[in-house]
Amino acid sequence: MNEDYIYEEKIYEGKQSMGLAVASFVLGVFSLLIFSLGINLEIGVVSIILGAIFIAKNKGCRGKGLAWLGIGFSILSIGLFIWTVLMLSANKNATRVIEDFTNDNQLIFENQQEELFPGFEDNSNYEL
């Protein structure tokens, strides 16, 4: 009877949960999807920590690929966020540049409309 209990305990120890790897993967994908909101930094760091814990505890078992993907997606997400912030801060007039671009496109559209349809007056007010 005592031997059966020890045997069952060893079987239970052999099964390893992939919960941390799955959590790391899901959080990594989620942080990649929302990288422009800024909360991806916290989610990405949690994903990296969960993936690293899983890899450190479970050497040579299933789930390491999910953990590595979660870590990679999180690093990519954090990198994209930092790159976006740097690109927007590099040009202090980024919003003005975007507004000028849309206004220029509106003028080009109006000029093309006049060339294609001479005498046609469009009384509606389109805004891009």
C-alpha atoms as a PDB file:
ATOM      1  CA  MET A   1       0.000   0.000   0.000  1.00  0.00           C
ATOM      2  CA  ASN A   2       2.801   2.355   0.840  1.00  0.00           C
ATOM      3  CA  GLU A   3       4.537   1.546  -2.459  1.00  0.00           C
ATOM      4  CA  ASP A   4       1.400   2.447  -4.459  1.00  0.00           C
ATOM      5  CA  TYR A   5       1.313   5.887  -2.889  1.00  0.00           C
ATOM      6  CA  ILE A   6       4.970   6.529  -3.753  1.00  0.00           C
ATOM      7  CA  TYR A   7       4.399   5.281  -7.315  1.00  0.00           C
ATOM      8  CA  GLU A   8       1.401   7.600  -7.802  1.00  0.00           C
ATOM      9  CA  GLU A   9       3.394  10.519  -6.455  1.00  0.00           C
ATOM     10  CA  LYS A  10       6.170   9.900  -8.966  1.00  0.00           C
ATOM     11  CA  ILE A  11       3.672   9.776 -11.831  1.00  0.00           C
ATOM     12  CA  TYR A  12       2.214  13.097 -10.719  1.00  0.00           C
ATOM     13  CA  GLU A  13       5.662  14.671 -10.524  1.00  0.00           C
ATOM     14  CA  GLY A  14       6.381  13.549 -14.085  1.00  0.00           C
ATOM     15  CA  LYS A  15       3.495  15.548 -15.531  1.00  0.00           C
ATOM     16  CA  GLN A  16       4.467  19.156 -15.998  1.00  0.00           C
ATOM     17  CA  SER A  17       2.055  21.958 -16.565  1.00  0.00           C
ATOM     18  CA  MET A  18       2.541  24.301 -19.495  1.00  0.00           C
ATOM     19  CA  GLY A  19       0.500  27.057 -17.847  1.00  0.00           C
ATOM     20  CA  LEU A  20       3.344  29.540 -17.568  1.00  0.00           C
ATOM     21  CA  ALA A  21       4.390  28.958 -21.178  1.00  0.00           C
ATOM     22  CA  VAL A  22       0.837  29.440 -22.450  1.00  0.00           C
ATOM     23  CA  ALA A  23       0.416  32.554 -20.294  1.00  0.00           C
ATOM     24  CA  SER A  24       3.695  33.947 -21.615  1.00  0.00           C
ATOM     25  CA  PHE A  25       2.635  33.275 -25.208  1.00  0.00           C
ATOM     26  CA  VAL A  26      -0.856  34.777 -24.811  1.00  0.00           C
ATOM     27  CA  LEU A  27       0.444  37.874 -23.042  1.00  0.00           C
ATOM     28  CA  GLY A  28       3.190  38.254 -25.650  1.00  0.00           C
ATOM     29  CA  VAL A  29       0.701  38.150 -28.517  1.00  0.00           C
ATOM     30  CA  PHE A  30      -1.634  40.521 -26.669  1.00  0.00           C
ATOM     31  CA  SER A  31       1.168  42.999 -25.977  1.00  0.00           C
ATOM     32  CA  LEU A  32       2.139  42.876 -29.645  1.00  0.00           C
ATOM     33  CA  LEU A  33      -1.431  43.638 -30.697  1.00  0.00           C
ATOM     34  CA  ILE A  34      -1.701  46.668 -28.408  1.00  0.00           C
ATOM     35  CA  PHE A  35       1.860  47.997 -28.666  1.00  0.00           C
ATOM     36  CA  SER A  36       0.707  51.529 -29.492  1.00  0.00           C
ATOM     37  CA  LEU A  37      -1.315  51.969 -26.278  1.00  0.00           C
ATOM     38  CA  GLY A  38       1.604  51.965 -23.862  1.00  0.00           C
ATOM     39  CA  ILE A  39       0.228  49.341 -21.489  1.00  0.00           C
ATOM     40  CA  ASN A  40       2.103  46.769 -23.513  1.00  0.00           C
ATOM     41  CA  LEU A  41       5.211  47.587 -21.482  1.00  0.00           C
ATOM     42  CA  GLU A  42       3.786  46.084 -18.296  1.00  0.00           C
ATOM     43  CA  ILE A  43       2.193  43.159 -20.109  1.00  0.00           C
ATOM     44  CA  GLY A  44       5.390  42.508 -22.052  1.00  0.00           C
ATOM     45  CA  VAL A  45       7.531  42.485 -18.920  1.00  0.00           C
ATOM     46  CA  VAL A  46       5.130  40.048 -17.223  1.00  0.00           C
ATOM     47  CA  SER A  47       5.217  37.833 -20.306  1.00  0.00           C
ATOM     48  CA  ILE A  48       9.019  37.838 -20.352  1.00  0.00           C
ATOM     49  CA  ILE A  49       9.161  36.959 -16.640  1.00  0.00           C
ATOM     50  CA  LEU A  50       6.636  34.109 -16.992  1.00  0.00           C
ATOM     51  CA  GLY A  51       8.471  32.710 -20.019  1.00  0.00           C
ATOM     52  CA  ALA A  52      11.837  32.918 -18.279  1.00  0.00           C
ATOM     53  CA  ILE A  53      10.497  31.162 -15.175  1.00  0.00           C
ATOM     54  CA  PHE A  54       9.030  28.366 -17.305  1.00  0.00           C
ATOM     55  CA  ILE A  55      12.273  27.894 -19.265  1.00  0.00           C
ATOM     56  CA  ALA A  56      14.384  27.905 -16.099  1.00  0.00           C
ATOM     57  CA  LYS A  57      12.200  25.378 -14.265  1.00  0.00           C
ATOM     58  CA  ASN A  58      11.427  23.029 -17.157  1.00  0.00           C
ATOM     59  CA  LYS A  59      14.548  22.092 -19.034  1.00  0.00           C
ATOM     60  CA  GLY A  60      14.023  19.700 -21.926  1.00  0.00           C
ATOM     61  CA  CYS A  61      10.240  19.459 -21.812  1.00  0.00           C
ATOM     62  CA  ARG A  62       7.289  20.506 -23.931  1.00  0.00           C
ATOM     63  CA  GLY A  63       6.227  24.120 -23.974  1.00  0.00           C
ATOM     64  CA  LYS A  64       9.598  25.794 -24.335  1.00  0.00           C
ATOM     65  CA  GLY A  65       8.646  26.930 -27.837  1.00  0.00           C
ATOM     66  CA  LEU A  66       5.565  28.736 -26.538  1.00  0.00           C
ATOM     67  CA  ALA A  67       7.612  30.370 -23.798  1.00  0.00           C
ATOM     68  CA  TRP A  68      10.267  31.520 -26.300  1.00  0.00           C
ATOM     69  CA  LEU A  69       7.574  32.852 -28.655  1.00  0.00           C
ATOM     70  CA  GLY A  70       5.974  34.760 -25.786  1.00  0.00           C
ATOM     71  CA  ILE A  71       9.323  36.272 -24.858  1.00  0.00           C
ATOM     72  CA  GLY A  72      10.057  37.148 -28.496  1.00  0.00           C
ATOM     73  CA  PHE A  73       6.650  38.742 -29.091  1.00  0.00           C
ATOM     74  CA  SER A  74       7.017  40.764 -25.903  1.00  0.00           C
ATOM     75  CA  ILE A  75      10.479  42.013 -26.843  1.00  0.00           C
ATOM     76  CA  LEU A  76       9.202  42.900 -30.316  1.00  0.00           C
ATOM     77  CA  SER A  77       6.217  44.718 -28.821  1.00  0.00           C
ATOM     78  CA  ILE A  78       8.376  46.745 -26.440  1.00  0.00           C
ATOM     79  CA  GLY A  79      10.786  47.538 -29.283  1.00  0.00           C
ATOM     80  CA  LEU A  80       7.957  48.711 -31.541  1.00  0.00           C
ATOM     81  CA  PHE A  81       6.588  50.925 -28.792  1.00  0.00           C
ATOM     82  CA  ILE A  82       9.987  52.504 -28.130  1.00  0.00           C
ATOM     83  CA  TRP A  83      10.558  52.988 -31.873  1.00  0.00           C
ATOM     84  CA  THR A  84       7.127  54.648 -32.250  1.00  0.00           C
ATOM     85  CA  VAL A  85       7.774  57.009 -29.353  1.00  0.00           C
ATOM     86  CA  LEU A  86      11.211  57.917 -30.720  1.00  0.00           C
ATOM     87  CA  MET A  87       9.871  58.549 -34.216  1.00  0.00           C
ATOM     88  CA  LEU A  88       7.049  60.755 -32.943  1.00  0.00           C
ATOM     89  CA  SER A  89       9.296  62.690 -30.581  1.00  0.00           C
ATOM     90  CA  ALA A  90      11.994  63.130 -33.229  1.00  0.00           C
ATOM     91  CA  ASN A  91       9.660  65.355 -35.181  1.00  0.00           C
ATOM     92  CA  LYS A  92       8.095  67.827 -32.767  1.00  0.00           C
ATOM     93  CA  ASN A  93       5.643  68.899 -35.429  1.00  0.00           C
ATOM     94  CA  ALA A  94       4.457  65.398 -36.302  1.00  0.00           C
ATOM     95  CA  THR A  95       0.783  66.307 -36.099  1.00  0.00           C
ATOM     96  CA  ARG A  96       1.331  69.369 -38.274  1.00  0.00           C
ATOM     97  CA  VAL A  97       3.114  67.243 -40.880  1.00  0.00           C
ATOM     98  CA  ILE A  98       0.194  64.813 -40.951  1.00  0.00           C
ATOM     99  CA  GLU A  99      -2.303  67.671 -41.256  1.00  0.00           C
ATOM    100  CA  ASP A 100      -0.284  69.250 -44.092  1.00  0.00           C
ATOM    101  CA  PHE A 101      -0.171  65.896 -45.868  1.00  0.00           C
ATOM    102  CA  THR A 102      -3.950  65.462 -45.681  1.00  0.00           C
ATOM    103  CA  ASN A 103      -4.551  69.061 -46.790  1.00  0.00           C
ATOM    104  CA  ASP A 104      -2.202  68.599 -49.763  1.00  0.00           C
ATOM    105  CA  ASN A 105      -4.033  65.430 -50.744  1.00  0.00           C
ATOM    106  CA  GLN A 106      -7.359  67.289 -50.538  1.00  0.00           C
ATOM    107  CA  LEU A 107      -6.021  69.969 -52.910  1.00  0.00           C
ATOM    108  CA  ILE A 108      -4.696  67.334 -55.311  1.00  0.00           C
ATOM    109  CA  PHE A 109      -8.081  65.589 -55.264  1.00  0.00           C
ATOM    110  CA  GLU A 110      -9.913  68.848 -56.008  1.00  0.00           C
ATOM    111  CA  ASN A 111      -7.527  69.704 -58.867  1.00  0.00           C
ATOM    112  CA  GLN A 112      -7.901  66.233 -60.401  1.00  0.00           C
ATOM    113  CA  GLN A 113     -11.668  66.484 -60.123  1.00  0.00           C
ATOM    114  CA  GLU A 114     -11.680  69.782 -62.011  1.00  0.00           C
ATOM    115  CA  GLU A 115      -9.438  68.341 -64.738  1.00  0.00           C
ATOM    116  CA  LEU A 116     -11.509  65.194 -65.189  1.00  0.00           C
ATOM    117  CA  PHE A 117     -14.919  66.844 -65.020  1.00  0.00           C
ATOM    118  CA  PRO A 118     -14.709  70.439 -66.263  1.00  0.00           C
ATOM    119  CA  GLY A 119     -17.653  72.567 -65.227  1.00  0.00           C
ATOM    120  CA  PHE A 120     -18.672  70.166 -62.475  1.00  0.00           C
ATOM    121  CA  GLU A 121     -19.195  71.871 -59.145  1.00  0.00           C
ATOM    122  CA  ASP A 122     -19.166  69.773 -56.044  1.00  0.00           C
ATOM    123  CA  ASN A 123     -21.084  71.567 -53.318  1.00  0.00           C
ATOM    124  CA  SER A 124     -20.499  68.897 -50.685  1.00  0.00           C
ATOM    125  CA  ASN A 125     -17.771  69.354 -48.135  1.00  0.00           C
ATOM    126  CA  TYR A 126     -15.481  66.306 -47.935  1.00  0.00           C
ATOM    127  CA  GLU A 127     -12.896  66.136 -45.229  1.00  0.00           C
ATOM    128  CA  LEU A 128     -10.127  63.576 -45.060  1.00  0.00           C
END
